[in-house]
């Protein structure tokens, strides 16, 4: 069965995804040789400059003091970027272990971020509460994506900005995200079942969900590896053999902004008044 992303994920599909990684004990986010640290070294250098450029230069808005909600904040990898840029950040996540890690690291970084328990499908804030809501590394993990988008739109202020990123669903994304990055032992760097193919989201599906919830001015950009496929495979094989740490992999293998949305993509939308 292939998910259309326009309905709640059936139990038979949702039971396959392993979201328990985020509940593991200890700091699984900020250790240089942890897989989730790649979000900082390999993913943030692509997406956060894009988000900040959109907000400051394209939309001509000043981030200083603006309220931002991080939906599925995890250990704070992206929340700290937004906070350092001047946003007043609140982060929600269902994993108490990840929240504790996020609180401790924010304190070490001298950043004032309000972390709370919560999920994208049940955001416990009033309507029209935030200038910005962003949901990254999360949309492909939630069981009820329509409810998540509805909740995000609800808590956004009129003219507020929604930022996102996720994976496309097609043959190429299945080959790269599921097979090469997760399943094939010679190249895999992510745990098995961290992503489930049927839960990946086509851009046109996400666009329709946003439009149905009053989110317009939609813009999407691709996220592509900064190296060619052969070089990527070589780097991943070196890491799988133990010749590269995750930290070393992150310095060589990163995503970059692209017009190619076949595998990963990011973007923004504006809540219509």
C-alpha atoms as a PDB file:
ATOM      1  CA  UNK A   1       0.000   0.000   0.000  1.00  0.00           C
ATOM      2  CA  UNK A   2       1.347   3.447  -0.936  1.00  0.00           C
ATOM      3  CA  UNK A   3       0.524   6.348   1.317  1.00  0.00           C
ATOM      4  CA  UNK A   4      -1.038   9.342  -0.423  1.00  0.00           C
ATOM      5  CA  UNK A   5      -0.027  11.571   2.518  1.00  0.00           C
ATOM      6  CA  UNK A   6      -3.537  12.993   2.409  1.00  0.00           C
ATOM      7  CA  UNK A   7      -4.789  10.504   5.000  1.00  0.00           C
ATOM      8  CA  UNK A   8      -3.693   9.134   8.357  1.00  0.00           C
ATOM      9  CA  UNK A   9      -1.088   6.359   7.990  1.00  0.00           C
ATOM     10  CA  UNK A  10      -2.573   2.867   8.479  1.00  0.00           C
ATOM     11  CA  UNK A  11      -1.356   0.919  11.516  1.00  0.00           C
ATOM     12  CA  UNK A  12       0.211  -1.703   9.242  1.00  0.00           C
ATOM     13  CA  UNK A  13       2.529   0.961   7.796  1.00  0.00           C
ATOM     14  CA  UNK A  14       3.119   3.078  10.901  1.00  0.00           C
ATOM     15  CA  UNK A  15       4.165   0.002  12.901  1.00  0.00           C
ATOM     16  CA  UNK A  16       7.186  -0.366  10.597  1.00  0.00           C
ATOM     17  CA  UNK A  17       8.841   2.959  11.445  1.00  0.00           C
ATOM     18  CA  UNK A  18      11.367   3.106  14.275  1.00  0.00           C
ATOM     19  CA  UNK A  19      10.820   6.380  16.107  1.00  0.00           C
ATOM     20  CA  UNK A  20      12.275   4.912  19.296  1.00  0.00           C
ATOM     21  CA  UNK A  21      15.763   6.055  18.300  1.00  0.00           C
ATOM     22  CA  UNK A  22      14.867   9.488  19.655  1.00  0.00           C
ATOM     23  CA  UNK A  23      14.093   8.024  23.099  1.00  0.00           C
ATOM     24  CA  UNK A  24      17.484   6.395  23.621  1.00  0.00           C
ATOM     25  CA  UNK A  25      19.264   7.292  26.839  1.00  0.00           C
ATOM     26  CA  UNK A  26      22.068   9.827  26.902  1.00  0.00           C
ATOM     27  CA  UNK A  27      23.024  12.500  24.401  1.00  0.00           C
ATOM     28  CA  UNK A  28      22.277  11.089  20.951  1.00  0.00           C
ATOM     29  CA  UNK A  29      22.266  14.526  19.314  1.00  0.00           C
ATOM     30  CA  UNK A  30      25.383  16.545  20.106  1.00  0.00           C
ATOM     31  CA  UNK A  31      28.128  13.916  20.235  1.00  0.00           C
ATOM     32  CA  UNK A  32      30.311  14.346  17.169  1.00  0.00           C
ATOM     33  CA  UNK A  33      30.275  10.649  16.341  1.00  0.00           C
ATOM     34  CA  UNK A  34      26.505  10.189  16.702  1.00  0.00           C
ATOM     35  CA  UNK A  35      24.391   9.699  13.596  1.00  0.00           C
ATOM     36  CA  UNK A  36      21.958  12.492  14.524  1.00  0.00           C
ATOM     37  CA  UNK A  37      24.829  14.988  14.702  1.00  0.00           C
ATOM     38  CA  UNK A  38      24.828  14.775  10.902  1.00  0.00           C
ATOM     39  CA  UNK A  39      21.741  16.985  11.062  1.00  0.00           C
ATOM     40  CA  UNK A  40      24.035  19.763  12.245  1.00  0.00           C
ATOM     41  CA  UNK A  41      27.000  19.051   9.997  1.00  0.00           C
ATOM     42  CA  UNK A  42      25.350  17.730   6.815  1.00  0.00           C
ATOM     43  CA  UNK A  43      21.820  19.167   6.776  1.00  0.00           C
ATOM     44  CA  UNK A  44      21.769  22.491   8.652  1.00  0.00           C
ATOM     45  CA  UNK A  45      24.365  24.118   6.341  1.00  0.00           C
ATOM     46  CA  UNK A  46      21.862  23.650   3.504  1.00  0.00           C
ATOM     47  CA  UNK A  47      18.510  24.433   5.074  1.00  0.00           C
ATOM     48  CA  UNK A  48      19.124  27.084   7.718  1.00  0.00           C
ATOM     49  CA  UNK A  49      20.811  29.646   5.409  1.00  0.00           C
ATOM     50  CA  UNK A  50      17.900  29.110   3.015  1.00  0.00           C
ATOM     51  CA  UNK A  51      15.326  29.753   5.770  1.00  0.00           C
ATOM     52  CA  UNK A  52      17.153  32.804   7.086  1.00  0.00           C
ATOM     53  CA  UNK A  53      17.631  34.256   3.608  1.00  0.00           C
ATOM     54  CA  UNK A  54      13.931  33.798   2.868  1.00  0.00           C
ATOM     55  CA  UNK A  55      12.918  35.490   6.110  1.00  0.00           C
ATOM     56  CA  UNK A  56      15.345  38.404   6.026  1.00  0.00           C
ATOM     57  CA  UNK A  57      15.913  39.087   2.346  1.00  0.00           C
ATOM     58  CA  UNK A  58      12.984  37.683   0.375  1.00  0.00           C
ATOM     59  CA  UNK A  59      10.223  38.432   2.887  1.00  0.00           C
ATOM     60  CA  UNK A  60      12.062  41.478   4.298  1.00  0.00           C
ATOM     61  CA  UNK A  61      11.406  40.581   7.943  1.00  0.00           C
ATOM     62  CA  UNK A  62      13.559  41.046  11.024  1.00  0.00           C
ATOM     63  CA  UNK A  63      13.962  37.847  13.087  1.00  0.00           C
ATOM     64  CA  UNK A  64      14.906  39.704  16.272  1.00  0.00           C
ATOM     65  CA  UNK A  65      12.313  38.907  18.923  1.00  0.00           C
ATOM     66  CA  UNK A  66       9.965  37.067  16.570  1.00  0.00           C
ATOM     67  CA  UNK A  67       8.320  33.984  18.075  1.00  0.00           C
ATOM     68  CA  UNK A  68       9.176  30.643  16.465  1.00  0.00           C
ATOM     69  CA  UNK A  69       7.838  27.161  17.215  1.00  0.00           C
ATOM     70  CA  UNK A  70      10.032  24.145  16.472  1.00  0.00           C
ATOM     71  CA  UNK A  71       7.701  21.173  15.913  1.00  0.00           C
ATOM     72  CA  UNK A  72       9.649  18.010  16.692  1.00  0.00           C
ATOM     73  CA  UNK A  73      12.704  19.821  18.042  1.00  0.00           C
ATOM     74  CA  UNK A  74      14.597  16.709  19.140  1.00  0.00           C
ATOM     75  CA  UNK A  75      17.843  17.657  20.849  1.00  0.00           C
ATOM     76  CA  UNK A  76      17.739  21.255  19.627  1.00  0.00           C
ATOM     77  CA  UNK A  77      20.020  20.959  16.583  1.00  0.00           C
ATOM     78  CA  UNK A  78      17.919  23.403  14.541  1.00  0.00           C
ATOM     79  CA  UNK A  79      16.324  25.302  17.439  1.00  0.00           C
ATOM     80  CA  UNK A  80      19.726  26.657  18.459  1.00  0.00           C
ATOM     81  CA  UNK A  81      20.302  28.004  14.939  1.00  0.00           C
ATOM     82  CA  UNK A  82      16.999  29.908  15.023  1.00  0.00           C
ATOM     83  CA  UNK A  83      17.636  31.176  18.564  1.00  0.00           C
ATOM     84  CA  UNK A  84      21.136  32.381  17.698  1.00  0.00           C
ATOM     85  CA  UNK A  85      19.632  34.316  14.757  1.00  0.00           C
ATOM     86  CA  UNK A  86      17.392  36.271  17.135  1.00  0.00           C
ATOM     87  CA  UNK A  87      14.148  34.308  17.193  1.00  0.00           C
ATOM     88  CA  UNK A  88      12.370  33.650  20.485  1.00  0.00           C
ATOM     89  CA  UNK A  89      12.171  29.856  20.150  1.00  0.00           C
ATOM     90  CA  UNK A  90       9.813  27.320  21.709  1.00  0.00           C
ATOM     91  CA  UNK A  91      10.482  23.675  20.940  1.00  0.00           C
ATOM     92  CA  UNK A  92       8.091  20.747  21.341  1.00  0.00           C
ATOM     93  CA  UNK A  93       8.867  17.048  21.109  1.00  0.00           C
ATOM     94  CA  UNK A  94       7.306  13.801  22.401  1.00  0.00           C
ATOM     95  CA  UNK A  95      10.670  12.445  23.620  1.00  0.00           C
ATOM     96  CA  UNK A  96      11.514  13.547  27.146  1.00  0.00           C
ATOM     97  CA  UNK A  97      15.091  12.294  26.747  1.00  0.00           C
ATOM     98  CA  UNK A  98      15.620  14.462  23.668  1.00  0.00           C
ATOM     99  CA  UNK A  99      14.062  17.453  25.451  1.00  0.00           C
ATOM    100  CA  UNK A 100      16.397  17.014  28.415  1.00  0.00           C
ATOM    101  CA  UNK A 101      19.392  16.919  26.068  1.00  0.00           C
ATOM    102  CA  UNK A 102      18.097  20.038  24.308  1.00  0.00           C
ATOM    103  CA  UNK A 103      17.658  21.936  27.593  1.00  0.00           C
ATOM    104  CA  UNK A 104      21.132  21.045  28.812  1.00  0.00           C
ATOM    105  CA  UNK A 105      22.824  21.997  25.537  1.00  0.00           C
ATOM    106  CA  UNK A 106      20.940  25.291  25.250  1.00  0.00           C
ATOM    107  CA  UNK A 107      22.153  26.182  28.734  1.00  0.00           C
ATOM    108  CA  UNK A 108      25.733  25.381  27.738  1.00  0.00           C
ATOM    109  CA  UNK A 109      25.293  27.509  24.618  1.00  0.00           C
ATOM    110  CA  UNK A 110      23.854  30.437  26.568  1.00  0.00           C
ATOM    111  CA  UNK A 111      20.585  30.328  24.632  1.00  0.00           C
ATOM    112  CA  UNK A 112      17.137  30.881  26.130  1.00  0.00           C
ATOM    113  CA  UNK A 113      14.894  28.273  24.469  1.00  0.00           C
ATOM    114  CA  UNK A 114      11.596  27.068  25.941  1.00  0.00           C
ATOM    115  CA  UNK A 115      11.400  23.283  25.480  1.00  0.00           C
ATOM    116  CA  UNK A 116       8.124  21.481  26.188  1.00  0.00           C
ATOM    117  CA  UNK A 117       6.570  18.068  25.700  1.00  0.00           C
ATOM    118  CA  UNK A 118       4.257  17.949  22.691  1.00  0.00           C
ATOM    119  CA  UNK A 119       3.644  16.678  19.185  1.00  0.00           C
ATOM    120  CA  UNK A 120       2.743  18.096  15.807  1.00  0.00           C
ATOM    121  CA  UNK A 121      -0.634  16.401  15.814  1.00  0.00           C
ATOM    122  CA  UNK A 122      -1.637  18.058  19.088  1.00  0.00           C
ATOM    123  CA  UNK A 123       0.033  21.457  19.523  1.00  0.00           C
ATOM    124  CA  UNK A 124      -0.998  22.864  22.885  1.00  0.00           C
ATOM    125  CA  UNK A 125      -0.910  26.555  22.013  1.00  0.00           C
ATOM    126  CA  UNK A 126      -3.664  28.994  21.158  1.00  0.00           C
ATOM    127  CA  UNK A 127      -4.611  29.947  17.610  1.00  0.00           C
ATOM    128  CA  UNK A 128      -2.391  32.584  15.969  1.00  0.00           C
ATOM    129  CA  UNK A 129       0.433  32.265  18.532  1.00  0.00           C
ATOM    130  CA  UNK A 130       3.657  32.257  16.473  1.00  0.00           C
ATOM    131  CA  UNK A 131       5.318  34.390  13.818  1.00  0.00           C
ATOM    132  CA  UNK A 132       7.148  31.325  12.491  1.00  0.00           C
ATOM    133  CA  UNK A 133       6.553  27.587  12.752  1.00  0.00           C
ATOM    134  CA  UNK A 134       9.062  25.127  11.335  1.00  0.00           C
ATOM    135  CA  UNK A 135       8.884  21.351  11.096  1.00  0.00           C
ATOM    136  CA  UNK A 136      12.046  19.645   9.852  1.00  0.00           C
ATOM    137  CA  UNK A 137      13.081  15.957   9.832  1.00  0.00           C
ATOM    138  CA  UNK A 138       9.586  15.285  11.173  1.00  0.00           C
ATOM    139  CA  UNK A 139       6.804  15.299   8.553  1.00  0.00           C
ATOM    140  CA  UNK A 140       7.826  11.877   7.218  1.00  0.00           C
ATOM    141  CA  UNK A 141       7.643  10.459  10.768  1.00  0.00           C
ATOM    142  CA  UNK A 142       4.143  11.506  11.876  1.00  0.00           C
ATOM    143  CA  UNK A 143       1.155   9.200  11.609  1.00  0.00           C
ATOM    144  CA  UNK A 144      -1.442  11.889  10.838  1.00  0.00           C
ATOM    145  CA  UNK A 145       0.178  14.359   8.465  1.00  0.00           C
ATOM    146  CA  UNK A 146      -3.065  16.219   7.589  1.00  0.00           C
ATOM    147  CA  UNK A 147      -3.687  16.859  11.305  1.00  0.00           C
ATOM    148  CA  UNK A 148      -0.070  17.993  11.770  1.00  0.00           C
ATOM    149  CA  UNK A 149      -0.313  20.532   8.921  1.00  0.00           C
ATOM    150  CA  UNK A 150      -3.694  21.682  10.229  1.00  0.00           C
ATOM    151  CA  UNK A 151      -2.256  22.264  13.704  1.00  0.00           C
ATOM    152  CA  UNK A 152       0.758  24.130  12.329  1.00  0.00           C
ATOM    153  CA  UNK A 153      -1.498  26.429  10.307  1.00  0.00           C
ATOM    154  CA  UNK A 154      -3.747  26.987  13.313  1.00  0.00           C
ATOM    155  CA  UNK A 155      -0.995  28.239  15.652  1.00  0.00           C
ATOM    156  CA  UNK A 156       0.632  30.433  12.982  1.00  0.00           C
ATOM    157  CA  UNK A 157      -0.254  34.108  13.077  1.00  0.00           C
ATOM    158  CA  UNK A 158      -1.844  35.558   9.924  1.00  0.00           C
ATOM    159  CA  UNK A 159       1.020  36.252   7.479  1.00  0.00           C
ATOM    160  CA  UNK A 160       3.215  33.953   9.583  1.00  0.00           C
ATOM    161  CA  UNK A 161       5.808  31.744   7.886  1.00  0.00           C
ATOM    162  CA  UNK A 162       5.935  27.952   7.824  1.00  0.00           C
ATOM    163  CA  UNK A 163       9.337  26.370   7.050  1.00  0.00           C
ATOM    164  CA  UNK A 164       9.730  22.653   6.355  1.00  0.00           C
ATOM    165  CA  UNK A 165      11.869  19.918   4.867  1.00  0.00           C
ATOM    166  CA  UNK A 166      11.189  16.273   4.059  1.00  0.00           C
ATOM    167  CA  UNK A 167      11.832  13.471   1.534  1.00  0.00           C
ATOM    168  CA  UNK A 168      10.079  12.877  -1.780  1.00  0.00           C
ATOM    169  CA  UNK A 169       8.504   9.485  -2.579  1.00  0.00           C
ATOM    170  CA  UNK A 170       9.622   7.898  -5.844  1.00  0.00           C
ATOM    171  CA  UNK A 171      12.006   5.258  -7.162  1.00  0.00           C
ATOM    172  CA  UNK A 172      15.130   7.392  -6.711  1.00  0.00           C
ATOM    173  CA  UNK A 173      14.313   8.403  -3.134  1.00  0.00           C
ATOM    174  CA  UNK A 174      13.601   4.755  -2.287  1.00  0.00           C
ATOM    175  CA  UNK A 175      16.982   3.751  -3.710  1.00  0.00           C
ATOM    176  CA  UNK A 176      18.914   6.467  -1.867  1.00  0.00           C
ATOM    177  CA  UNK A 177      17.055   7.116   1.407  1.00  0.00           C
ATOM    178  CA  UNK A 178      15.790   3.592   2.101  1.00  0.00           C
ATOM    179  CA  UNK A 179      18.260   1.261   0.396  1.00  0.00           C
ATOM    180  CA  UNK A 180      21.639   3.068   0.301  1.00  0.00           C
ATOM    181  CA  UNK A 181      21.282   5.151   3.475  1.00  0.00           C
ATOM    182  CA  UNK A 182      19.423   2.635   5.671  1.00  0.00           C
ATOM    183  CA  UNK A 183      19.281  -0.969   4.474  1.00  0.00           C
ATOM    184  CA  UNK A 184      22.413  -1.913   2.563  1.00  0.00           C
ATOM    185  CA  UNK A 185      25.038  -2.710   5.182  1.00  0.00           C
ATOM    186  CA  UNK A 186      27.946  -1.689   2.947  1.00  0.00           C
ATOM    187  CA  UNK A 187      26.697   1.921   2.790  1.00  0.00           C
ATOM    188  CA  UNK A 188      24.045   2.441   5.498  1.00  0.00           C
ATOM    189  CA  UNK A 189      24.671   5.186   8.036  1.00  0.00           C
ATOM    190  CA  UNK A 190      21.136   5.457   9.438  1.00  0.00           C
ATOM    191  CA  UNK A 191      19.365   2.796  11.516  1.00  0.00           C
ATOM    192  CA  UNK A 192      17.029   0.422   9.660  1.00  0.00           C
ATOM    193  CA  UNK A 193      13.405   1.600   9.550  1.00  0.00           C
ATOM    194  CA  UNK A 194      14.236   5.137  10.633  1.00  0.00           C
ATOM    195  CA  UNK A 195      12.262   6.052   7.524  1.00  0.00           C
ATOM    196  CA  UNK A 196       9.564   3.983   5.841  1.00  0.00           C
ATOM    197  CA  UNK A 197       9.092   4.442   2.106  1.00  0.00           C
ATOM    198  CA  UNK A 198       5.295   4.607   2.236  1.00  0.00           C
ATOM    199  CA  UNK A 199       5.527   7.546   4.691  1.00  0.00           C
ATOM    200  CA  UNK A 200       7.645   9.725   2.421  1.00  0.00           C
ATOM    201  CA  UNK A 201       5.791  12.696   0.924  1.00  0.00           C
ATOM    202  CA  UNK A 202       5.458  13.860  -2.660  1.00  0.00           C
ATOM    203  CA  UNK A 203       5.799  17.661  -3.065  1.00  0.00           C
ATOM    204  CA  UNK A 204       2.379  17.902  -4.716  1.00  0.00           C
ATOM    205  CA  UNK A 205       0.797  16.135  -1.727  1.00  0.00           C
ATOM    206  CA  UNK A 206       2.385  18.514   0.768  1.00  0.00           C
ATOM    207  CA  UNK A 207       1.462  21.490  -1.416  1.00  0.00           C
ATOM    208  CA  UNK A 208      -2.194  20.412  -1.461  1.00  0.00           C
ATOM    209  CA  UNK A 209      -2.271  19.901   2.318  1.00  0.00           C
ATOM    210  CA  UNK A 210      -0.828  23.373   2.867  1.00  0.00           C
ATOM    211  CA  UNK A 211      -3.265  24.975   0.438  1.00  0.00           C
ATOM    212  CA  UNK A 212      -6.184  23.199   2.133  1.00  0.00           C
ATOM    213  CA  UNK A 213      -5.111  24.805   5.414  1.00  0.00           C
ATOM    214  CA  UNK A 214      -4.758  28.372   4.204  1.00  0.00           C
ATOM    215  CA  UNK A 215      -1.027  28.303   3.563  1.00  0.00           C
ATOM    216  CA  UNK A 216      -0.111  30.079   0.321  1.00  0.00           C
ATOM    217  CA  UNK A 217       2.847  31.684  -1.469  1.00  0.00           C
ATOM    218  CA  UNK A 218       4.360  28.193  -1.423  1.00  0.00           C
ATOM    219  CA  UNK A 219       7.978  27.848  -2.487  1.00  0.00           C
ATOM    220  CA  UNK A 220       9.980  24.620  -2.714  1.00  0.00           C
ATOM    221  CA  UNK A 221      13.667  23.915  -3.309  1.00  0.00           C
ATOM    222  CA  UNK A 222      15.564  20.663  -3.608  1.00  0.00           C
ATOM    223  CA  UNK A 223      18.197  19.341  -1.196  1.00  0.00           C
ATOM    224  CA  UNK A 224      20.891  17.346  -2.984  1.00  0.00           C
ATOM    225  CA  UNK A 225      24.259  15.823  -1.983  1.00  0.00           C
ATOM    226  CA  UNK A 226      27.303  18.056  -2.559  1.00  0.00           C
ATOM    227  CA  UNK A 227      29.179  15.143  -4.161  1.00  0.00           C
ATOM    228  CA  UNK A 228      28.403  12.941  -7.150  1.00  0.00           C
ATOM    229  CA  UNK A 229      26.782   9.509  -6.565  1.00  0.00           C
ATOM    230  CA  UNK A 230      30.042   7.555  -6.871  1.00  0.00           C
ATOM    231  CA  UNK A 231      31.800   9.819  -4.356  1.00  0.00           C
ATOM    232  CA  UNK A 232      28.837   9.551  -1.982  1.00  0.00           C
ATOM    233  CA  UNK A 233      28.921   5.759  -2.164  1.00  0.00           C
ATOM    234  CA  UNK A 234      32.672   5.780  -1.549  1.00  0.00           C
ATOM    235  CA  UNK A 235      32.341   7.961   1.552  1.00  0.00           C
ATOM    236  CA  UNK A 236      29.502   5.866   2.942  1.00  0.00           C
ATOM    237  CA  UNK A 237      31.462   2.643   2.371  1.00  0.00           C
ATOM    238  CA  UNK A 238      34.441   4.119   4.211  1.00  0.00           C
ATOM    239  CA  UNK A 239      32.230   5.001   7.167  1.00  0.00           C
ATOM    240  CA  UNK A 240      30.591   1.564   7.177  1.00  0.00           C
ATOM    241  CA  UNK A 241      34.056  -0.050   7.279  1.00  0.00           C
ATOM    242  CA  UNK A 242      35.078   2.151  10.203  1.00  0.00           C
ATOM    243  CA  UNK A 243      37.562   4.220   8.215  1.00  0.00           C
ATOM    244  CA  UNK A 244      35.518   7.412   8.683  1.00  0.00           C
ATOM    245  CA  UNK A 245      33.715   8.605  11.811  1.00  0.00           C
ATOM    246  CA  UNK A 246      30.330  10.312  11.580  1.00  0.00           C
ATOM    247  CA  UNK A 247      32.127  13.541  12.368  1.00  0.00           C
ATOM    248  CA  UNK A 248      34.519  13.050   9.448  1.00  0.00           C
ATOM    249  CA  UNK A 249      31.651  12.018   7.173  1.00  0.00           C
ATOM    250  CA  UNK A 250      29.787  15.208   8.056  1.00  0.00           C
ATOM    251  CA  UNK A 251      32.738  17.345   6.989  1.00  0.00           C
ATOM    252  CA  UNK A 252      32.828  15.709   3.544  1.00  0.00           C
ATOM    253  CA  UNK A 253      29.200  14.819   2.792  1.00  0.00           C
ATOM    254  CA  UNK A 254      26.618  17.607   2.998  1.00  0.00           C
ATOM    255  CA  UNK A 255      23.381  18.596   1.350  1.00  0.00           C
ATOM    256  CA  UNK A 256      23.165  21.707  -0.799  1.00  0.00           C
ATOM    257  CA  UNK A 257      20.315  23.816  -2.154  1.00  0.00           C
ATOM    258  CA  UNK A 258      19.236  22.512  -5.556  1.00  0.00           C
ATOM    259  CA  UNK A 259      16.496  22.719  -8.164  1.00  0.00           C
ATOM    260  CA  UNK A 260      16.294  18.916  -8.054  1.00  0.00           C
ATOM    261  CA  UNK A 261      13.563  17.800  -5.631  1.00  0.00           C
ATOM    262  CA  UNK A 262      13.621  14.100  -6.550  1.00  0.00           C
ATOM    263  CA  UNK A 263      15.050  13.025  -3.169  1.00  0.00           C
ATOM    264  CA  UNK A 264      14.905  15.770  -0.529  1.00  0.00           C
ATOM    265  CA  UNK A 265      13.215  19.148  -0.545  1.00  0.00           C
ATOM    266  CA  UNK A 266      12.551  22.135   1.676  1.00  0.00           C
ATOM    267  CA  UNK A 267      10.521  25.299   1.441  1.00  0.00           C
ATOM    268  CA  UNK A 268       8.204  27.828   2.991  1.00  0.00           C
ATOM    269  CA  UNK A 269       4.597  28.990   2.912  1.00  0.00           C
ATOM    270  CA  UNK A 270       2.714  31.983   4.278  1.00  0.00           C
ATOM    271  CA  UNK A 271      -0.505  31.799   6.293  1.00  0.00           C
ATOM    272  CA  UNK A 272      -3.087  33.801   4.410  1.00  0.00           C
ATOM    273  CA  UNK A 273      -4.829  36.560   6.448  1.00  0.00           C
END
